PDB file of N, CA and C in Angstrom:
ATOM      1  N   UNK A   1     -19.974-241.174  81.710  1.00  0.00           N
ATOM      2  CA  UNK A   1     -20.320-241.962  80.536  1.00  0.00           C
ATOM      3  C   UNK A   1     -21.740-242.515  80.668  1.00  0.00           C
ATOM      4  N   UNK A   2     -22.089-243.022  81.842  1.00  0.00           N
ATOM      5  CA  UNK A   2     -23.418-243.588  82.032  1.00  0.00           C
ATOM      6  C   UNK A   2     -24.499-242.528  81.845  1.00  0.00           C
ATOM      7  N   UNK A   3     -24.270-241.299  82.296  1.00  0.00           N
ATOM      8  CA  UNK A   3     -25.261-240.235  82.125  1.00  0.00           C
ATOM      9  C   UNK A   3     -25.484-239.934  80.642  1.00  0.00           C
ATOM     10  N   UNK A   4     -24.427-239.915  79.875  1.00  0.00           N
ATOM     11  CA  UNK A   4     -24.557-239.695  78.429  1.00  0.00           C
ATOM     12  C   UNK A   4     -25.366-240.832  77.814  1.00  0.00           C
ATOM     13  N   UNK A   5     -25.044-242.056  78.196  1.00  0.00           N
ATOM     14  CA  UNK A   5     -25.750-243.216  77.658  1.00  0.00           C
ATOM     15  C   UNK A   5     -27.243-243.133  77.979  1.00  0.00           C
ATOM     16  N   UNK A   6     -27.591-242.735  79.187  1.00  0.00           N
ATOM     17  CA  UNK A   6     -29.003-242.620  79.570  1.00  0.00           C
ATOM     18  C   UNK A   6     -29.727-241.569  78.731  1.00  0.00           C
ATOM     19  N   UNK A   7     -29.035-240.498  78.367  1.00  0.00           N
ATOM     20  CA  UNK A   7     -29.644-239.436  77.561  1.00  0.00           C
ATOM     21  C   UNK A   7     -29.900-239.868  76.127  1.00  0.00           C
ATOM     22  N   UNK A   8     -29.034-240.679  75.587  1.00  0.00           N
ATOM     23  CA  UNK A   8     -29.131-240.981  74.146  1.00  0.00           C
ATOM     24  C   UNK A   8     -29.726-242.340  73.828  1.00  0.00           C
ATOM     25  N   UNK A   9     -29.874-243.228  74.811  1.00  0.00           N
ATOM     26  CA  UNK A   9     -30.436-244.543  74.519  1.00  0.00           C
ATOM     27  C   UNK A   9     -31.955-244.501  74.536  1.00  0.00           C
ATOM     28  N   UNK A  10     -32.542-244.681  73.386  1.00  0.00           N
ATOM     29  CA  UNK A  10     -33.989-244.798  73.279  1.00  0.00           C
ATOM     30  C   UNK A  10     -34.321-245.407  71.926  1.00  0.00           C
ATOM     31  N   UNK A  11     -35.563-245.773  71.738  1.00  0.00           N
ATOM     32  CA  UNK A  11     -35.978-246.508  70.543  1.00  0.00           C
ATOM     33  C   UNK A  11     -35.835-245.732  69.241  1.00  0.00           C
ATOM     34  N   UNK A  12     -35.673-244.421  69.294  1.00  0.00           N
ATOM     35  CA  UNK A  12     -35.559-243.637  68.067  1.00  0.00           C
ATOM     36  C   UNK A  12     -34.115-243.470  67.587  1.00  0.00           C
ATOM     37  N   UNK A  13     -33.169-244.052  68.295  1.00  0.00           N
ATOM     38  CA  UNK A  13     -31.775-243.951  67.882  1.00  0.00           C
ATOM     39  C   UNK A  13     -31.588-244.760  66.603  1.00  0.00           C
ATOM     40  N   UNK A  14     -31.123-244.095  65.554  1.00  0.00           N
ATOM     41  CA  UNK A  14     -30.929-244.766  64.271  1.00  0.00           C
ATOM     42  C   UNK A  14     -29.505-244.616  63.747  1.00  0.00           C
ATOM     43  N   UNK A  15     -28.638-244.002  64.535  1.00  0.00           N
ATOM     44  CA  UNK A  15     -27.263-243.801  64.101  1.00  0.00           C
ATOM     45  C   UNK A  15     -26.321-244.087  65.259  1.00  0.00           C
ATOM     46  N   UNK A  16     -25.135-244.522  64.914  1.00  0.00           N
ATOM     47  CA  UNK A  16     -24.085-244.753  65.891  1.00  0.00           C
ATOM     48  C   UNK A  16     -22.885-243.932  65.442  1.00  0.00           C
ATOM     49  N   UNK A  17     -22.352-243.133  66.345  1.00  0.00           N
ATOM     50  CA  UNK A  17     -21.173-242.335  66.048  1.00  0.00           C
ATOM     51  C   UNK A  17     -19.981-242.957  66.757  1.00  0.00           C
ATOM     52  N   UNK A  18     -18.863-243.027  66.058  1.00  0.00           N
ATOM     53  CA  UNK A  18     -17.666-243.641  66.611  1.00  0.00           C
ATOM     54  C   UNK A  18     -16.540-242.614  66.586  1.00  0.00           C
ATOM     55  N   UNK A  19     -15.916-242.411  67.725  1.00  0.00           N
ATOM     56  CA  UNK A  19     -14.769-241.499  67.803  1.00  0.00           C
ATOM     57  C   UNK A  19     -13.566-242.147  67.125  1.00  0.00           C
ATOM     58  N   UNK A  20     -12.762-241.345  66.466  1.00  0.00           N
ATOM     59  CA  UNK A  20     -11.570-241.857  65.783  1.00  0.00           C
ATOM     60  C   UNK A  20     -10.671-242.595  66.764  1.00  0.00           C
ATOM     61  N   UNK A  21     -10.571-242.091  67.991  1.00  0.00           N
ATOM     62  CA  UNK A  21      -9.730-242.727  69.007  1.00  0.00           C
ATOM     63  C   UNK A  21     -10.208-244.153  69.275  1.00  0.00           C
ATOM     64  N   UNK A  22     -11.511-244.353  69.318  1.00  0.00           N
ATOM     65  CA  UNK A  22     -12.050-245.702  69.540  1.00  0.00           C
ATOM     66  C   UNK A  22     -11.717-246.612  68.369  1.00  0.00           C
ATOM     67  N   UNK A  23     -11.889-246.123  67.157  1.00  0.00           N
ATOM     68  CA  UNK A  23     -11.604-246.926  65.970  1.00  0.00           C
ATOM     69  C   UNK A  23     -10.136-247.347  65.945  1.00  0.00           C
ATOM     70  N   UNK A  24      -9.260-246.435  66.296  1.00  0.00           N
ATOM     71  CA  UNK A  24      -7.829-246.746  66.312  1.00  0.00           C
ATOM     72  C   UNK A  24      -7.520-247.813  67.363  1.00  0.00           C
ATOM     73  N   UNK A  25      -8.195-247.759  68.504  1.00  0.00           N
ATOM     74  CA  UNK A  25      -8.019-248.794  69.532  1.00  0.00           C
ATOM     75  C   UNK A  25      -8.538-250.132  69.008  1.00  0.00           C
ATOM     76  N   UNK A  26      -9.638-250.102  68.245  1.00  0.00           N
ATOM     77  CA  UNK A  26     -10.175-251.338  67.678  1.00  0.00           C
ATOM     78  C   UNK A  26      -9.205-251.956  66.686  1.00  0.00           C
ATOM     79  N   UNK A  27      -8.499-251.122  65.932  1.00  0.00           N
ATOM     80  CA  UNK A  27      -7.471-251.656  65.039  1.00  0.00           C
ATOM     81  C   UNK A  27      -6.438-252.426  65.859  1.00  0.00           C
ATOM     82  N   UNK A  28      -5.973-251.826  66.955  1.00  0.00           N
ATOM     83  CA  UNK A  28      -4.997-252.487  67.816  1.00  0.00           C
ATOM     84  C   UNK A  28      -5.538-253.799  68.384  1.00  0.00           C
ATOM     85  N   UNK A  29      -6.838-253.870  68.604  1.00  0.00           N
ATOM     86  CA  UNK A  29      -7.461-255.059  69.191  1.00  0.00           C
ATOM     87  C   UNK A  29      -7.660-256.189  68.182  1.00  0.00           C
ATOM     88  N   UNK A  30      -7.643-255.886  66.896  1.00  0.00           N
ATOM     89  CA  UNK A  30      -7.812-256.925  65.878  1.00  0.00           C
ATOM     90  C   UNK A  30      -6.432-257.519  65.575  1.00  0.00           C
ATOM     91  N   UNK A  31      -6.076-258.508  66.370  1.00  0.00           N
ATOM     92  CA  UNK A  31      -4.756-259.118  66.278  1.00  0.00           C
ATOM     93  C   UNK A  31      -4.481-259.675  64.879  1.00  0.00           C
ATOM     94  N   UNK A  32      -5.487-260.253  64.247  1.00  0.00           N
ATOM     95  CA  UNK A  32      -5.300-260.833  62.909  1.00  0.00           C
ATOM     96  C   UNK A  32      -4.931-259.752  61.892  1.00  0.00           C
ATOM     97  N   UNK A  33      -5.682-258.658  61.853  1.00  0.00           N
ATOM     98  CA  UNK A  33      -5.395-257.582  60.894  1.00  0.00           C
ATOM     99  C   UNK A  33      -4.051-256.920  61.196  1.00  0.00           C
ATOM    100  N   UNK A  34      -3.782-256.705  62.461  1.00  0.00           N
ATOM    101  CA  UNK A  34      -2.502-256.091  62.834  1.00  0.00           C
ATOM    102  C   UNK A  34      -1.335-256.990  62.431  1.00  0.00           C
ATOM    103  N   UNK A  35      -1.496-258.289  62.604  1.00  0.00           N
ATOM    104  CA  UNK A  35      -0.431-259.223  62.230  1.00  0.00           C
ATOM    105  C   UNK A  35      -0.171-259.207  60.734  1.00  0.00           C
ATOM    106  N   UNK A  36      -1.230-259.057  59.943  1.00  0.00           N
ATOM    107  CA  UNK A  36      -1.050-258.965  58.486  1.00  0.00           C
ATOM    108  C   UNK A  36      -0.320-257.676  58.142  1.00  0.00           C
ATOM    109  N   UNK A  37      -0.753-256.562  58.724  1.00  0.00           N
ATOM    110  CA  UNK A  37      -0.102-255.272  58.450  1.00  0.00           C
ATOM    111  C   UNK A  37       1.373-255.319  58.842  1.00  0.00           C
ATOM    112  N   UNK A  38       1.655-255.849  60.015  1.00  0.00           N
ATOM    113  CA  UNK A  38       3.021-255.840  60.541  1.00  0.00           C
ATOM    114  C   UNK A  38       3.865-256.997  60.024  1.00  0.00           C
ATOM    115  N   UNK A  39       3.222-257.921  59.316  1.00  0.00           N
ATOM    116  CA  UNK A  39       3.895-259.107  58.783  1.00  0.00           C
ATOM    117  C   UNK A  39       4.586-259.886  59.900  1.00  0.00           C
ATOM    118  N   UNK A  40       3.843-260.141  60.969  1.00  0.00           N
ATOM    119  CA  UNK A  40       4.344-260.915  62.099  1.00  0.00           C
ATOM    120  C   UNK A  40       3.198-261.675  62.740  1.00  0.00           C
ATOM    121  N   UNK A  41       3.508-262.822  63.284  1.00  0.00           N
ATOM    122  CA  UNK A  41       2.494-263.599  64.004  1.00  0.00           C
ATOM    123  C   UNK A  41       2.564-263.316  65.501  1.00  0.00           C
ATOM    124  N   UNK A  42       3.462-262.440  65.899  1.00  0.00           N
ATOM    125  CA  UNK A  42       3.731-262.220  67.311  1.00  0.00           C
ATOM    126  C   UNK A  42       3.052-260.981  67.892  1.00  0.00           C
ATOM    127  N   UNK A  43       2.129-260.365  67.179  1.00  0.00           N
ATOM    128  CA  UNK A  43       1.518-259.142  67.693  1.00  0.00           C
ATOM    129  C   UNK A  43       0.326-259.438  68.586  1.00  0.00           C
ATOM    130  N   UNK A  44       0.297-258.797  69.758  1.00  0.00           N
ATOM    131  CA  UNK A  44      -0.873-258.797  70.625  1.00  0.00           C
ATOM    132  C   UNK A  44      -0.794-257.566  71.517  1.00  0.00           C
ATOM    133  N   UNK A  45      -1.799-256.725  71.431  1.00  0.00           N
ATOM    134  CA  UNK A  45      -1.882-255.525  72.283  1.00  0.00           C
ATOM    135  C   UNK A  45      -2.799-255.866  73.451  1.00  0.00           C
ATOM    136  N   UNK A  46      -2.228-255.981  74.643  1.00  0.00           N
ATOM    137  CA  UNK A  46      -2.982-256.457  75.806  1.00  0.00           C
ATOM    138  C   UNK A  46      -4.142-255.528  76.188  1.00  0.00           C
ATOM    139  N   UNK A  47      -3.915-254.234  76.136  1.00  0.00           N
ATOM    140  CA  UNK A  47      -4.936-253.271  76.553  1.00  0.00           C
ATOM    141  C   UNK A  47      -5.107-252.188  75.480  1.00  0.00           C
ATOM    142  N   UNK A  48      -5.725-252.495  74.360  1.00  0.00           N
ATOM    143  CA  UNK A  48      -5.817-251.536  73.259  1.00  0.00           C
ATOM    144  C   UNK A  48      -6.571-250.247  73.607  1.00  0.00           C
ATOM    145  N   UNK A  49      -7.457-250.306  74.589  1.00  0.00           N
ATOM    146  CA  UNK A  49      -8.204-249.105  74.975  1.00  0.00           C
ATOM    147  C   UNK A  49      -7.504-248.311  76.076  1.00  0.00           C
ATOM    148  N   UNK A  50      -6.396-248.828  76.568  1.00  0.00           N
ATOM    149  CA  UNK A  50      -5.678-248.173  77.665  1.00  0.00           C
ATOM    150  C   UNK A  50      -4.219-247.916  77.311  1.00  0.00           C
ATOM    151  N   UNK A  51      -3.961-247.556  76.076  1.00  0.00           N
ATOM    152  CA  UNK A  51      -2.589-247.290  75.676  1.00  0.00           C
ATOM    153  C   UNK A  51      -2.067-246.051  76.407  1.00  0.00           C
ATOM    154  N   UNK A  52      -0.772-246.043  76.761  1.00  0.00           N
ATOM    155  CA  UNK A  52      -0.221-244.874  77.471  1.00  0.00           C
ATOM    156  C   UNK A  52      -0.371-243.576  76.666  1.00  0.00           C
ATOM    157  N   UNK A  53      -0.219-243.686  75.366  1.00  0.00           N
ATOM    158  CA  UNK A  53      -0.423-242.542  74.477  1.00  0.00           C
ATOM    159  C   UNK A  53      -1.765-242.751  73.789  1.00  0.00           C
ATOM    160  N   UNK A  54      -2.117-241.865  72.902  1.00  0.00           N
ATOM    161  CA  UNK A  54      -3.324-242.067  72.103  1.00  0.00           C
ATOM    162  C   UNK A  54      -3.114-243.296  71.220  1.00  0.00           C
ATOM    163  N   UNK A  55      -4.195-244.003  70.896  1.00  0.00           N
ATOM    164  CA  UNK A  55      -4.049-245.203  70.058  1.00  0.00           C
ATOM    165  C   UNK A  55      -3.329-244.927  68.729  1.00  0.00           C
ATOM    166  N   UNK A  56      -3.547-243.756  68.144  1.00  0.00           N
ATOM    167  CA  UNK A  56      -2.874-243.435  66.880  1.00  0.00           C
ATOM    168  C   UNK A  56      -1.361-243.402  67.078  1.00  0.00           C
ATOM    169  N   UNK A  57      -0.921-242.816  68.182  1.00  0.00           N
ATOM    170  CA  UNK A  57       0.516-242.777  68.478  1.00  0.00           C
ATOM    171  C   UNK A  57       1.049-244.186  68.729  1.00  0.00           C
ATOM    172  N   UNK A  58       0.239-245.019  69.362  1.00  0.00           N
ATOM    173  CA  UNK A  58       0.646-246.408  69.605  1.00  0.00           C
ATOM    174  C   UNK A  58       0.774-247.164  68.284  1.00  0.00           C
ATOM    175  N   UNK A  59      -0.126-246.922  67.338  1.00  0.00           N
ATOM    176  CA  UNK A  59      -0.012-247.551  66.022  1.00  0.00           C
ATOM    177  C   UNK A  59       1.299-247.164  65.344  1.00  0.00           C
ATOM    178  N   UNK A  60       1.671-245.896  65.445  1.00  0.00           N
ATOM    179  CA  UNK A  60       2.939-245.448  64.859  1.00  0.00           C
ATOM    180  C   UNK A  60       4.120-246.133  65.539  1.00  0.00           C
ATOM    181  N   UNK A  61       4.071-246.223  66.874  1.00  0.00           N
ATOM    182  CA  UNK A  61       5.146-246.882  67.627  1.00  0.00           C
ATOM    183  C   UNK A  61       5.259-248.356  67.266  1.00  0.00           C
ATOM    184  N   UNK A  62       4.122-249.023  67.155  1.00  0.00           N
ATOM    185  CA  UNK A  62       4.105-250.447  66.829  1.00  0.00           C
ATOM    186  C   UNK A  62       4.718-250.670  65.446  1.00  0.00           C
ATOM    187  N   UNK A  63       4.379-249.815  64.492  1.00  0.00           N
ATOM    188  CA  UNK A  63       4.957-249.942  63.152  1.00  0.00           C
ATOM    189  C   UNK A  63       6.476-249.830  63.218  1.00  0.00           C
ATOM    190  N   UNK A  64       6.953-248.859  63.955  1.00  0.00           N
ATOM    191  CA  UNK A  64       8.394-248.661  64.076  1.00  0.00           C
ATOM    192  C   UNK A  64       9.052-249.855  64.767  1.00  0.00           C
ATOM    193  N   UNK A  65       8.449-250.362  65.830  1.00  0.00           N
ATOM    194  CA  UNK A  65       9.001-251.511  66.554  1.00  0.00           C
ATOM    195  C   UNK A  65       9.102-252.754  65.685  1.00  0.00           C
ATOM    196  N   UNK A  66       8.163-252.918  64.763  1.00  0.00           N
ATOM    197  CA  UNK A  66       8.136-254.106  63.912  1.00  0.00           C
ATOM    198  C   UNK A  66       8.755-253.869  62.538  1.00  0.00           C
ATOM    199  N   UNK A  67       9.287-252.680  62.318  1.00  0.00           N
ATOM    200  CA  UNK A  67       9.919-252.379  61.038  1.00  0.00           C
ATOM    201  C   UNK A  67       8.943-252.297  59.884  1.00  0.00           C
ATOM    202  N   UNK A  68       7.686-251.992  60.187  1.00  0.00           N
ATOM    203  CA  UNK A  68       6.662-251.880  59.143  1.00  0.00           C
ATOM    204  C   UNK A  68       6.535-250.424  58.705  1.00  0.00           C
ATOM    205  N   UNK A  69       5.951-250.260  57.546  1.00  0.00           N
ATOM    206  CA  UNK A  69       5.647-248.914  57.069  1.00  0.00           C
ATOM    207  C   UNK A  69       4.661-248.276  58.049  1.00  0.00           C
ATOM    208  N   UNK A  70       4.888-247.014  58.378  1.00  0.00           N
ATOM    209  CA  UNK A  70       4.005-246.309  59.308  1.00  0.00           C
ATOM    210  C   UNK A  70       2.594-246.204  58.777  1.00  0.00           C
ATOM    211  N   UNK A  71       1.643-245.882  59.649  1.00  0.00           N
ATOM    212  CA  UNK A  71       0.251-245.845  59.202  1.00  0.00           C
ATOM    213  C   UNK A  71      -0.065-244.721  58.219  1.00  0.00           C
ATOM    214  N   UNK A  72       0.775-243.690  58.130  1.00  0.00           N
ATOM    215  CA  UNK A  72       0.499-242.579  57.216  1.00  0.00           C
ATOM    216  C   UNK A  72      -0.628-241.717  57.740  1.00  0.00           C
ATOM    217  N   UNK A  73      -1.563-241.331  56.861  1.00  0.00           N
ATOM    218  CA  UNK A  73      -2.687-240.505  57.352  1.00  0.00           C
ATOM    219  C   UNK A  73      -3.838-241.419  57.784  1.00  0.00           C
ATOM    220  N   UNK A  74      -4.669-240.900  58.648  1.00  0.00           N
ATOM    221  CA  UNK A  74      -5.704-241.712  59.293  1.00  0.00           C
ATOM    222  C   UNK A  74      -6.710-242.307  58.314  1.00  0.00           C
ATOM    223  N   UNK A  75      -7.171-241.524  57.363  1.00  0.00           N
ATOM    224  CA  UNK A  75      -8.170-242.022  56.412  1.00  0.00           C
ATOM    225  C   UNK A  75      -7.603-243.141  55.543  1.00  0.00           C
ATOM    226  N   UNK A  76      -6.421-242.935  55.020  1.00  0.00           N
ATOM    227  CA  UNK A  76      -5.801-243.956  54.167  1.00  0.00           C
ATOM    228  C   UNK A  76      -5.514-245.224  54.963  1.00  0.00           C
ATOM    229  N   UNK A  77      -5.073-245.067  56.202  1.00  0.00           N
ATOM    230  CA  UNK A  77      -4.782-246.242  57.028  1.00  0.00           C
ATOM    231  C   UNK A  77      -6.059-247.024  57.329  1.00  0.00           C
ATOM    232  N   UNK A  78      -7.129-246.330  57.646  1.00  0.00           N
ATOM    233  CA  UNK A  78      -8.403-247.006  57.920  1.00  0.00           C
ATOM    234  C   UNK A  78      -8.851-247.807  56.695  1.00  0.00           C
ATOM    235  N   UNK A  79      -8.714-247.223  55.515  1.00  0.00           N
ATOM    236  CA  UNK A  79      -9.077-247.939  54.286  1.00  0.00           C
ATOM    237  C   UNK A  79      -8.203-249.171  54.092  1.00  0.00           C
ATOM    238  N   UNK A  80      -6.899-249.031  54.345  1.00  0.00           N
ATOM    239  CA  UNK A  80      -5.993-250.182  54.204  1.00  0.00           C
ATOM    240  C   UNK A  80      -6.323-251.267  55.221  1.00  0.00           C
ATOM    241  N   UNK A  81      -6.638-250.862  56.454  1.00  0.00           N
ATOM    242  CA  UNK A  81      -6.974-251.856  57.480  1.00  0.00           C
ATOM    243  C   UNK A  81      -8.178-252.696  57.055  1.00  0.00           C
ATOM    244  N   UNK A  82      -9.169-252.052  56.453  1.00  0.00           N
ATOM    245  CA  UNK A  82     -10.378-252.764  56.033  1.00  0.00           C
ATOM    246  C   UNK A  82     -10.151-253.523  54.729  1.00  0.00           C
ATOM    247  N   UNK A  83      -9.616-252.852  53.734  1.00  0.00           N
ATOM    248  CA  UNK A  83      -9.528-253.428  52.391  1.00  0.00           C
ATOM    249  C   UNK A  83      -8.349-254.368  52.164  1.00  0.00           C
ATOM    250  N   UNK A  84      -7.253-254.160  52.879  1.00  0.00           N
ATOM    251  CA  UNK A  84      -6.051-254.954  52.612  1.00  0.00           C
ATOM    252  C   UNK A  84      -5.652-255.866  53.766  1.00  0.00           C
ATOM    253  N   UNK A  85      -5.899-255.438  54.992  1.00  0.00           N
ATOM    254  CA  UNK A  85      -5.437-256.214  56.151  1.00  0.00           C
ATOM    255  C   UNK A  85      -6.571-256.974  56.830  1.00  0.00           C
ATOM    256  N   UNK A  86      -7.797-256.816  56.350  1.00  0.00           N
ATOM    257  CA  UNK A  86      -8.907-257.623  56.831  1.00  0.00           C
ATOM    258  C   UNK A  86      -9.471-257.243  58.187  1.00  0.00           C
ATOM    259  N   UNK A  87      -9.364-255.973  58.562  1.00  0.00           N
ATOM    260  CA  UNK A  87      -9.941-255.560  59.845  1.00  0.00           C
ATOM    261  C   UNK A  87     -11.405-255.976  59.920  1.00  0.00           C
ATOM    262  N   UNK A  88     -11.769-256.552  61.073  1.00  0.00           N
ATOM    263  CA  UNK A  88     -13.146-256.980  61.317  1.00  0.00           C
ATOM    264  C   UNK A  88     -13.496-256.587  62.748  1.00  0.00           C
ATOM    265  N   UNK A  89     -14.521-255.782  62.896  1.00  0.00           N
ATOM    266  CA  UNK A  89     -14.918-255.307  64.223  1.00  0.00           C
ATOM    267  C   UNK A  89     -15.225-256.477  65.151  1.00  0.00           C
ATOM    268  N   UNK A  90     -15.658-257.604  64.593  1.00  0.00           N
ATOM    269  CA  UNK A  90     -15.944-258.776  65.435  1.00  0.00           C
ATOM    270  C   UNK A  90     -14.679-259.338  66.062  1.00  0.00           C
ATOM    271  N   UNK A  91     -13.544-259.230  65.363  1.00  0.00           N
ATOM    272  CA  UNK A  91     -12.270-259.644  65.960  1.00  0.00           C
ATOM    273  C   UNK A  91     -11.909-258.735  67.129  1.00  0.00           C
ATOM    274  N   UNK A  92     -12.087-257.439  66.941  1.00  0.00           N
ATOM    275  CA  UNK A  92     -11.809-256.491  68.016  1.00  0.00           C
ATOM    276  C   UNK A  92     -12.748-256.735  69.196  1.00  0.00           C
ATOM    277  N   UNK A  93     -14.005-257.039  68.907  1.00  0.00           N
ATOM    278  CA  UNK A  93     -14.991-257.295  69.961  1.00  0.00           C
ATOM    279  C   UNK A  93     -14.651-258.544  70.766  1.00  0.00           C
ATOM    280  N   UNK A  94     -13.978-259.492  70.154  1.00  0.00           N
ATOM    281  CA  UNK A  94     -13.594-260.721  70.840  1.00  0.00           C
ATOM    282  C   UNK A  94     -12.365-260.535  71.728  1.00  0.00           C
ATOM    283  N   UNK A  95     -11.663-259.421  71.563  1.00  0.00           N
ATOM    284  CA  UNK A  95     -10.465-259.147  72.358  1.00  0.00           C
ATOM    285  C   UNK A  95     -10.870-258.867  73.806  1.00  0.00           C
ATOM    286  N   UNK A  96     -10.222-259.515  74.775  1.00  0.00           N
ATOM    287  CA  UNK A  96     -10.613-259.320  76.177  1.00  0.00           C
ATOM    288  C   UNK A  96     -10.404-257.901  76.706  1.00  0.00           C
ATOM    289  N   UNK A  97      -9.571-257.113  76.038  1.00  0.00           N
ATOM    290  CA  UNK A  97      -9.301-255.753  76.505  1.00  0.00           C
ATOM    291  C   UNK A  97      -9.992-254.684  75.683  1.00  0.00           C
ATOM    292  N   UNK A  98     -11.051-255.044  74.959  1.00  0.00           N
ATOM    293  CA  UNK A  98     -11.693-254.076  74.079  1.00  0.00           C
ATOM    294  C   UNK A  98     -13.215-254.101  74.242  1.00  0.00           C
ATOM    295  N   UNK A  99     -13.662-253.654  75.395  1.00  0.00           N
ATOM    296  CA  UNK A  99     -15.090-253.675  75.725  1.00  0.00           C
ATOM    297  C   UNK A  99     -15.921-252.787  74.803  1.00  0.00           C
ATOM    298  N   UNK A 100     -15.361-251.686  74.322  1.00  0.00           N
ATOM    299  CA  UNK A 100     -16.150-250.775  73.488  1.00  0.00           C
ATOM    300  C   UNK A 100     -16.510-251.405  72.143  1.00  0.00           C
ATOM    301  N   UNK A 101     -15.614-252.200  71.584  1.00  0.00           N
ATOM    302  CA  UNK A 101     -15.926-252.880  70.321  1.00  0.00           C
ATOM    303  C   UNK A 101     -17.029-253.918  70.540  1.00  0.00           C
ATOM    304  N   UNK A 102     -16.969-254.621  71.652  1.00  0.00           N
ATOM    305  CA  UNK A 102     -18.021-255.589  71.966  1.00  0.00           C
ATOM    306  C   UNK A 102     -19.350-254.870  72.157  1.00  0.00           C
ATOM    307  N   UNK A 103     -19.318-253.729  72.811  1.00  0.00           N
ATOM    308  CA  UNK A 103     -20.543-252.958  73.011  1.00  0.00           C
ATOM    309  C   UNK A 103     -21.143-252.530  71.671  1.00  0.00           C
ATOM    310  N   UNK A 104     -20.304-252.106  70.735  1.00  0.00           N
ATOM    311  CA  UNK A 104     -20.797-251.714  69.411  1.00  0.00           C
ATOM    312  C   UNK A 104     -21.416-252.906  68.685  1.00  0.00           C
ATOM    313  N   UNK A 105     -20.718-254.034  68.673  1.00  0.00           N
ATOM    314  CA  UNK A 105     -21.232-255.219  67.986  1.00  0.00           C
ATOM    315  C   UNK A 105     -22.558-255.644  68.602  1.00  0.00           C
ATOM    316  N   UNK A 106     -22.627-255.648  69.925  1.00  0.00           N
ATOM    317  CA  UNK A 106     -23.876-256.011  70.597  1.00  0.00           C
ATOM    318  C   UNK A 106     -25.001-255.047  70.247  1.00  0.00           C
ATOM    319  N   UNK A 107     -24.698-253.749  70.198  1.00  0.00           N
ATOM    320  CA  UNK A 107     -25.717-252.741  69.877  1.00  0.00           C
ATOM    321  C   UNK A 107     -26.236-252.918  68.449  1.00  0.00           C
ATOM    322  N   UNK A 108     -25.336-253.150  67.518  1.00  0.00           N
ATOM    323  CA  UNK A 108     -25.749-253.339  66.118  1.00  0.00           C
ATOM    324  C   UNK A 108     -26.578-254.615  65.979  1.00  0.00           C
ATOM    325  N   UNK A 109     -26.138-255.680  66.621  1.00  0.00           N
ATOM    326  CA  UNK A 109     -26.908-256.922  66.557  1.00  0.00           C
ATOM    327  C   UNK A 109     -28.292-256.734  67.157  1.00  0.00           C
ATOM    328  N   UNK A 110     -28.390-255.987  68.237  1.00  0.00           N
ATOM    329  CA  UNK A 110     -29.678-255.717  68.863  1.00  0.00           C
ATOM    330  C   UNK A 110     -30.571-254.884  67.941  1.00  0.00           C
ATOM    331  N   UNK A 111     -29.985-253.876  67.298  1.00  0.00           N
ATOM    332  CA  UNK A 111     -30.762-253.044  66.357  1.00  0.00           C
ATOM    333  C   UNK A 111     -31.250-253.894  65.190  1.00  0.00           C
ATOM    334  N   UNK A 112     -30.400-254.766  64.681  1.00  0.00           N
ATOM    335  CA  UNK A 112     -30.784-255.621  63.558  1.00  0.00           C
ATOM    336  C   UNK A 112     -31.873-256.606  63.964  1.00  0.00           C
ATOM    337  N   UNK A 113     -31.777-257.132  65.158  1.00  0.00           N
ATOM    338  CA  UNK A 113     -32.782-258.060  65.648  1.00  0.00           C
ATOM    339  C   UNK A 113     -34.127-257.342  65.788  1.00  0.00           C
ATOM    340  N   UNK A 114     -34.097-256.110  66.246  1.00  0.00           N
ATOM    341  CA  UNK A 114     -35.332-255.323  66.375  1.00  0.00           C
ATOM    342  C   UNK A 114     -35.930-254.963  65.030  1.00  0.00           C
ATOM    343  N   UNK A 115     -35.089-254.803  64.026  1.00  0.00           N
ATOM    344  CA  UNK A 115     -35.568-254.441  62.685  1.00  0.00           C
ATOM    345  C   UNK A 115     -36.246-255.605  61.986  1.00  0.00           C
ATOM    346  N   UNK A 116     -35.925-256.824  62.386  1.00  0.00           N
ATOM    347  CA  UNK A 116     -36.506-257.990  61.718  1.00  0.00           C
ATOM    348  C   UNK A 116     -37.816-258.442  62.360  1.00  0.00           C
ATOM    349  N   UNK A 117     -38.195-257.769  63.418  1.00  0.00           N
ATOM    350  CA  UNK A 117     -39.470-258.142  64.084  1.00  0.00           C
ATOM    351  C   UNK A 117     -40.637-257.510  63.415  1.00  0.00           C
TER     352      UNK A 117
END
């Protein structure tokens, strides 16, 4: 991972690509949005980036465990997480088990700070 980062980190980087697997882990890390989706105040995923299965499979399992409607297809679920359940990457970044979301938020804030100079 560090070798990849060294190859792509430079001042001309103007885009950030996010793997679907990472986004799904970030959904699990946003306890507030997940609680709204699952209609429970008791949801907390301790290690959203280290799920035994893929994060998408964990989302399906969590829905079943809580008696919620399953996530359906990935695109529609992502839209619902943002538009209806209030997903916020900053919530995921604040989760102690979600370093990648914090890294993204930090990178975007750094890019924005550089753009205002």
